[in-house]
């Protein structure tokens, strides 16, 4: 449950910073995009790893 709350918080922070940087170009949007995408990718990787471990043990 704490990971879900942290992911939601990071998503919100990422979207706000993305929108704040939008008028200033792609470089200003990059932080918001990274904060939005990276936690999702990490969570997907962890879940995939846990499924793989369960399948082979």
N, C-alpha and C. Protein backbone atom coordinates (compact mmCIF):
# COMPACT_ATOMS: atom_id res chain seq x y z
N UNK A 1 0.80 -1.20 0.00
CA UNK A 1 0.00 0.00 0.00
C UNK A 1 0.85 1.28 0.00
N UNK A 2 1.96 1.31 0.73
CA UNK A 2 2.76 2.53 0.68
C UNK A 2 3.30 2.83 -0.72
N UNK A 3 3.60 1.78 -1.49
CA UNK A 3 4.10 2.01 -2.86
C UNK A 3 3.03 2.62 -3.75
N UNK A 4 1.79 2.24 -3.54
CA UNK A 4 0.70 2.81 -4.33
C UNK A 4 0.54 4.29 -4.01
N UNK A 5 0.59 4.63 -2.72
CA UNK A 5 0.48 6.03 -2.32
C UNK A 5 1.65 6.84 -2.86
N UNK A 6 2.86 6.29 -2.78
CA UNK A 6 4.04 6.99 -3.28
C UNK A 6 3.95 7.18 -4.79
N UNK A 7 3.48 6.17 -5.50
CA UNK A 7 3.33 6.29 -6.95
C UNK A 7 2.32 7.36 -7.33
N UNK A 8 1.22 7.41 -6.60
CA UNK A 8 0.20 8.43 -6.87
C UNK A 8 0.75 9.83 -6.59
N UNK A 9 1.51 9.97 -5.50
CA UNK A 9 2.09 11.26 -5.17
C UNK A 9 3.11 11.69 -6.23
N UNK A 10 3.98 10.78 -6.63
CA UNK A 10 4.97 11.10 -7.66
C UNK A 10 4.31 11.42 -9.00
N UNK A 11 3.24 10.70 -9.33
CA UNK A 11 2.51 10.99 -10.57
C UNK A 11 1.95 12.42 -10.53
N UNK A 12 1.36 12.79 -9.40
CA UNK A 12 0.79 14.13 -9.27
C UNK A 12 1.88 15.20 -9.38
N UNK A 13 2.99 14.99 -8.69
CA UNK A 13 4.10 15.95 -8.76
C UNK A 13 4.63 16.04 -10.20
N UNK A 14 4.76 14.90 -10.85
CA UNK A 14 5.25 14.89 -12.22
C UNK A 14 4.33 15.63 -13.18
N UNK A 15 3.06 15.42 -13.05
CA UNK A 15 2.11 16.09 -13.95
C UNK A 15 2.10 17.60 -13.72
N UNK A 16 2.17 18.01 -12.45
CA UNK A 16 2.16 19.44 -12.15
C UNK A 16 3.42 20.10 -12.70
N UNK A 17 4.58 19.47 -12.49
CA UNK A 17 5.81 20.07 -13.01
C UNK A 17 5.85 20.02 -14.54
N UNK A 18 5.27 18.99 -15.14
CA UNK A 18 5.19 18.93 -16.60
C UNK A 18 4.37 20.10 -17.13
N UNK A 19 3.21 20.33 -16.53
CA UNK A 19 2.36 21.43 -16.99
C UNK A 19 3.00 22.78 -16.74
N UNK A 20 3.72 22.92 -15.64
CA UNK A 20 4.41 24.18 -15.34
C UNK A 20 5.50 24.46 -16.38
N UNK A 21 6.20 23.42 -16.81
CA UNK A 21 7.28 23.60 -17.76
C UNK A 21 6.84 23.59 -19.21
N UNK A 22 5.60 23.26 -19.49
CA UNK A 22 5.13 23.12 -20.87
C UNK A 22 5.37 24.36 -21.73
N UNK A 23 5.05 25.55 -21.24
CA UNK A 23 5.26 26.73 -22.10
C UNK A 23 6.73 27.04 -22.38
N UNK A 24 7.65 26.48 -21.57
CA UNK A 24 9.06 26.81 -21.72
C UNK A 24 9.83 25.81 -22.56
N UNK A 25 9.18 24.83 -23.15
CA UNK A 25 9.87 23.94 -24.07
C UNK A 25 10.11 22.54 -23.51
N UNK A 26 10.69 21.71 -24.38
CA UNK A 26 10.88 20.30 -24.05
C UNK A 26 11.83 20.09 -22.88
N UNK A 27 12.87 20.88 -22.78
CA UNK A 27 13.82 20.74 -21.68
C UNK A 27 13.19 20.97 -20.33
N UNK A 28 12.27 21.91 -20.26
CA UNK A 28 11.59 22.22 -19.01
C UNK A 28 10.57 21.15 -18.66
N UNK A 29 10.09 20.42 -19.63
CA UNK A 29 9.10 19.36 -19.37
C UNK A 29 9.74 18.05 -18.97
N UNK A 30 11.04 17.89 -19.19
CA UNK A 30 11.68 16.59 -19.01
C UNK A 30 11.62 16.08 -17.58
N UNK A 31 11.79 16.96 -16.59
CA UNK A 31 11.71 16.50 -15.20
C UNK A 31 10.34 15.93 -14.88
N UNK A 32 9.29 16.64 -15.28
CA UNK A 32 7.93 16.16 -15.02
C UNK A 32 7.65 14.84 -15.72
N UNK A 33 8.16 14.69 -16.93
CA UNK A 33 7.96 13.44 -17.67
C UNK A 33 8.69 12.29 -16.99
N UNK A 34 9.90 12.54 -16.53
CA UNK A 34 10.68 11.49 -15.86
C UNK A 34 10.04 11.09 -14.54
N UNK A 35 9.59 12.06 -13.76
CA UNK A 35 8.97 11.75 -12.47
C UNK A 35 7.66 10.99 -12.67
N UNK A 36 7.00 11.21 -13.78
CA UNK A 36 5.77 10.49 -14.09
C UNK A 36 6.07 9.06 -14.55
N UNK A 37 7.05 8.89 -15.41
CA UNK A 37 7.28 7.59 -16.05
C UNK A 37 8.12 6.63 -15.23
N UNK A 38 9.16 7.11 -14.58
CA UNK A 38 10.10 6.20 -13.92
C UNK A 38 9.47 5.37 -12.80
N UNK A 39 8.65 5.93 -11.90
CA UNK A 39 8.03 5.07 -10.88
C UNK A 39 7.15 3.98 -11.48
N UNK A 40 6.48 4.30 -12.59
CA UNK A 40 5.65 3.29 -13.24
C UNK A 40 6.50 2.17 -13.84
N UNK A 41 7.62 2.53 -14.44
CA UNK A 41 8.52 1.53 -15.01
C UNK A 41 9.14 0.65 -13.92
N UNK A 42 9.53 1.26 -12.81
CA UNK A 42 10.09 0.49 -11.70
C UNK A 42 9.04 -0.47 -11.13
N UNK A 43 7.83 0.01 -10.93
CA UNK A 43 6.77 -0.85 -10.40
C UNK A 43 6.46 -2.00 -11.36
N UNK A 44 6.44 -1.71 -12.65
CA UNK A 44 6.20 -2.76 -13.64
C UNK A 44 7.32 -3.80 -13.61
N UNK A 45 8.57 -3.33 -13.51
CA UNK A 45 9.70 -4.25 -13.43
C UNK A 45 9.65 -5.12 -12.18
N UNK A 46 9.32 -4.53 -11.04
CA UNK A 46 9.20 -5.30 -9.81
C UNK A 46 8.09 -6.34 -9.91
N UNK A 47 6.95 -5.94 -10.43
CA UNK A 47 5.84 -6.88 -10.56
C UNK A 47 6.19 -8.00 -11.52
N UNK A 48 6.84 -7.67 -12.63
CA UNK A 48 7.24 -8.70 -13.60
C UNK A 48 8.24 -9.66 -12.97
N UNK A 49 9.18 -9.12 -12.22
CA UNK A 49 10.15 -9.97 -11.53
C UNK A 49 9.51 -10.89 -10.52
N UNK A 50 8.55 -10.39 -9.79
CA UNK A 50 7.86 -11.22 -8.80
C UNK A 50 7.06 -12.33 -9.48
N UNK A 51 6.44 -12.03 -10.60
CA UNK A 51 5.70 -13.05 -11.35
C UNK A 51 6.67 -14.10 -11.87
N UNK A 52 7.80 -13.68 -12.40
CA UNK A 52 8.79 -14.61 -12.95
C UNK A 52 9.32 -15.52 -11.84
N UNK A 53 9.60 -14.97 -10.68
CA UNK A 53 10.10 -15.78 -9.57
C UNK A 53 9.07 -16.82 -9.16
N UNK A 54 7.82 -16.41 -9.10
CA UNK A 54 6.75 -17.35 -8.72
C UNK A 54 6.57 -18.46 -9.76
N UNK A 55 6.80 -18.13 -11.04
CA UNK A 55 6.61 -19.13 -12.08
C UNK A 55 7.70 -20.19 -12.04
N UNK A 56 8.92 -19.80 -11.66
CA UNK A 56 10.04 -20.74 -11.71
C UNK A 56 10.43 -21.32 -10.36
N UNK A 57 9.65 -21.05 -9.33
CA UNK A 57 9.96 -21.67 -8.04
C UNK A 57 8.84 -22.54 -7.58
